[in-house]
Protein backbone atom coordinates (compact mmCIF):
# COMPACT_ATOMS: atom_id res chain seq x y z
CA UNK A 1 0.00 0.00 0.00
CA UNK A 2 1.30 3.44 -0.92
CA UNK A 3 1.55 5.56 2.26
CA UNK A 4 2.82 8.66 0.47
CA UNK A 5 0.78 11.62 1.63
CA UNK A 6 -0.68 9.87 4.68
CA UNK A 7 -1.17 12.16 7.67
CA UNK A 8 0.53 10.61 10.70
CA UNK A 9 0.09 11.52 14.37
CA UNK A 10 1.52 10.23 17.63
CA UNK A 11 -0.68 7.57 19.20
CA UNK A 12 -2.24 8.44 22.56
CA UNK A 13 -0.83 5.07 23.75
CA UNK A 14 2.75 6.16 23.07
CA UNK A 15 5.14 6.72 25.93
CA UNK A 16 6.74 10.14 26.14
CA UNK A 17 9.55 8.69 28.25
CA UNK A 18 12.06 6.27 26.84
CA UNK A 19 11.36 7.05 23.19
CA UNK A 20 8.65 4.42 22.67
CA UNK A 21 6.65 6.43 20.12
CA UNK A 22 4.07 4.93 17.80
CA UNK A 23 2.63 6.94 14.92
CA UNK A 24 -0.73 6.05 13.38
CA UNK A 25 -2.70 7.11 10.33
CA UNK A 26 -6.37 6.50 9.75
CA UNK A 27 -6.82 8.14 6.36
CA UNK A 28 -6.20 4.97 4.36
CA UNK A 29 -9.82 3.99 3.72
CA UNK A 30 -10.33 0.49 5.14
CA UNK A 31 -6.91 0.33 6.80
CA UNK A 32 -4.92 1.75 9.70
CA UNK A 33 -1.19 2.39 9.39
CA UNK A 34 1.27 2.05 12.27
CA UNK A 35 4.95 2.99 12.29
CA UNK A 36 7.86 3.67 14.63
CA UNK A 37 7.76 7.38 15.43
CA UNK A 38 11.55 7.47 15.78
CA UNK A 39 11.95 6.19 12.20
CA UNK A 40 9.27 7.89 10.08
CA UNK A 41 10.98 6.84 6.84
CA UNK A 42 11.23 3.21 7.91
CA UNK A 43 8.70 0.43 7.39
CA UNK A 44 5.07 0.71 8.41
CA UNK A 45 2.48 -1.95 9.16
CA UNK A 46 -1.05 -1.76 7.79
CA UNK A 47 -3.99 -3.40 9.57
CA UNK A 48 -7.72 -3.74 9.07
CA UNK A 49 -9.54 -1.40 11.54
CA UNK A 50 -10.93 -4.35 13.53
CA UNK A 51 -7.41 -5.65 14.21
């Protein structure tokens, strides 16, 4: 899935201490994207919303 142009934000479940940041995007139609906030150019996982 092409994630170019997706709008990412820091998950409310992310820790502000220790650098455990998770970014999410919900503007993918029937999918939710998740990535490592410390590596925004790295790989991302895509899940169905129910997952």
